[in-house]
Protein backbone atom coordinates (compact mmCIF):
# COMPACT_ATOMS: atom_id res chain seq x y z
CA MET A 1 127.63 -41.82 -115.82
CA LEU A 2 126.72 -38.23 -116.63
CA PHE A 3 122.99 -38.74 -116.07
CA TYR A 4 123.62 -40.76 -112.90
CA SER A 5 125.78 -37.96 -111.49
CA PHE A 6 123.17 -35.39 -112.50
CA PHE A 7 120.34 -37.27 -110.78
CA LYS A 8 122.43 -37.71 -107.63
CA THR A 9 122.49 -33.91 -107.32
CA LEU A 10 118.66 -33.91 -107.34
CA ILE A 11 118.26 -36.14 -104.26
CA GLY A 12 115.96 -34.42 -101.78
CA LYS A 13 114.33 -32.23 -104.42
CA PRO A 14 110.79 -32.51 -105.83
CA VAL A 15 110.49 -34.29 -109.20
CA THR A 16 107.74 -35.51 -111.50
CA ILE A 17 108.34 -38.83 -113.23
CA HIS A 18 106.48 -39.56 -116.47
CA LEU A 19 106.22 -43.29 -117.08
CA LYS A 20 105.87 -45.02 -120.45
CA ASN A 21 102.33 -46.16 -119.52
CA ASP A 22 101.24 -42.49 -119.18
CA VAL A 23 101.28 -42.45 -115.36
CA GLU A 24 102.76 -39.34 -113.76
CA LEU A 25 104.20 -39.62 -110.26
CA SER A 26 105.29 -36.61 -108.23
CA GLY A 27 107.30 -36.62 -105.06
CA THR A 28 110.69 -36.09 -103.49
CA LEU A 29 113.62 -37.97 -105.01
CA LEU A 30 114.98 -40.28 -102.33
CA SER A 31 117.65 -42.21 -104.23
CA VAL A 32 118.98 -43.14 -107.66
CA ASP A 33 121.29 -45.93 -108.82
CA GLN A 34 123.56 -46.49 -111.81
CA PHE A 35 120.67 -48.01 -113.81
CA LEU A 36 118.69 -44.78 -113.22
CA ASN A 37 116.17 -46.60 -111.05
CA LEU A 38 114.49 -43.94 -108.93
CA LYS A 39 113.01 -44.08 -105.46
CA ILE A 40 110.59 -41.30 -104.53
CA THR A 41 108.74 -40.50 -101.35
CA ASP A 42 105.70 -38.30 -100.57
CA LEU A 43 104.13 -39.83 -103.67
CA LYS A 44 101.29 -38.09 -105.50
CA VAL A 45 99.58 -39.31 -108.67
CA SER A 46 98.55 -36.72 -111.24
CA ASP A 47 95.36 -38.48 -112.36
CA GLU A 48 93.85 -39.93 -109.19
CA ALA A 49 90.60 -40.95 -110.92
CA ARG A 50 92.42 -43.18 -113.43
CA HIS A 51 94.85 -44.65 -110.89
CA PRO A 52 93.10 -44.93 -107.49
CA HIS A 53 95.20 -47.96 -106.54
CA LEU A 54 98.29 -45.73 -106.37
CA LEU A 55 96.79 -43.38 -103.76
CA ALA A 56 97.74 -45.71 -100.89
CA LEU A 57 101.45 -45.56 -101.76
CA LYS A 58 103.75 -43.23 -99.85
CA THR A 59 107.02 -44.40 -101.44
CA ALA A 60 107.72 -45.96 -104.83
CA PHE A 61 110.64 -47.61 -106.58
CA VAL A 62 110.55 -46.87 -110.31
CA ARG A 63 112.62 -49.01 -112.64
CA GLY A 64 114.71 -46.84 -114.96
CA SER A 65 113.59 -48.67 -118.11
CA VAL A 66 109.95 -47.60 -117.64
CA VAL A 67 110.72 -43.88 -117.28
CA ARG A 68 109.86 -41.69 -120.26
CA ALA A 69 110.90 -38.35 -118.74
CA VAL A 70 111.71 -36.67 -115.44
CA GLU A 71 110.69 -33.10 -114.69
CA VAL A 72 112.91 -31.22 -112.27
CA PRO A 73 112.51 -27.78 -110.72
CA LYS A 74 114.12 -25.05 -112.82
CA GLY A 75 116.39 -23.83 -110.05
CA ALA A 76 117.66 -27.35 -109.25
CA VAL A 77 119.83 -27.57 -112.36
CA ASP A 78 123.32 -26.10 -112.23
CA CYS A 79 123.81 -25.50 -115.97
CA GLU A 80 127.50 -24.60 -115.74
CA LEU A 81 128.34 -27.76 -113.83
CA LEU A 82 126.31 -29.85 -116.27
CA GLU A 83 127.99 -28.26 -119.31
CA ASP A 84 131.47 -28.83 -117.86
CA ALA A 85 130.67 -32.46 -117.09
CA ALA A 86 129.31 -32.98 -120.62
CA ARG A 87 132.51 -31.51 -122.11
CA ARG A 88 134.70 -33.79 -119.98
CA GLU A 89 132.61 -36.81 -120.96
CA ALA A 90 132.91 -35.90 -124.66
CA VAL A 91 136.69 -35.52 -124.42
CA ARG A 92 136.96 -38.92 -122.71
CA ALA A 93 134.84 -40.51 -125.45
CA VAL A 94 137.01 -39.00 -128.22
CA ARG A 95 140.20 -40.21 -126.51
CA ALA A 96 138.74 -43.70 -126.13
CA VAL A 97 137.87 -43.84 -129.85
CA GLU A 98 141.33 -42.63 -130.82
CA LEU A 99 142.94 -45.21 -128.56
CA ALA A 100 140.76 -47.96 -130.02
CA LYS A 101 141.67 -46.92 -133.58
CA ALA A 102 145.35 -47.06 -132.65
CA GLY A 103 144.84 -50.62 -131.46
CA GLY A 104 145.34 -49.69 -127.85
CA ARG A 105 148.92 -48.63 -128.57
CA LYS A 106 150.65 -45.28 -128.41
CA PRO A 107 150.82 -43.38 -131.71
CA LYS A 108 154.05 -44.09 -133.65
CA ALA A 109 155.44 -40.59 -133.04
CA GLU A 110 155.27 -41.16 -129.29
CA GLU A 111 156.86 -44.63 -129.63
CA ALA A 112 159.79 -43.14 -131.54
CA LYS A 113 160.34 -40.52 -128.80
CA THR A 114 160.40 -43.14 -126.05
CA ALA A 115 162.84 -45.35 -128.02
CA ASP A 116 165.47 -42.53 -128.12
């Protein structure tokens, strides 16, 4: 969910999407979903000679599984917000592991306190 939330903050900003088949698409991020599928508008292709068939497109839907990397403008990233969200996500993951190790039950010390 961290990446999904991050990409939602980039809606309306210019991005460059590098695909696994070495195509680079630039444009404005229009939407993103939980599978990290991206929709961009004002589409431009970096290598027009190699991909002339893409020149007619104005908008594209890019499946998340074919994306290699996404370039974002330097000023578009709020590093403090991203660091805080990553810390919260890590704490949630640690708590989930601890809960799973305990068999989904409260630790014995807490059970003893509630029995008194």
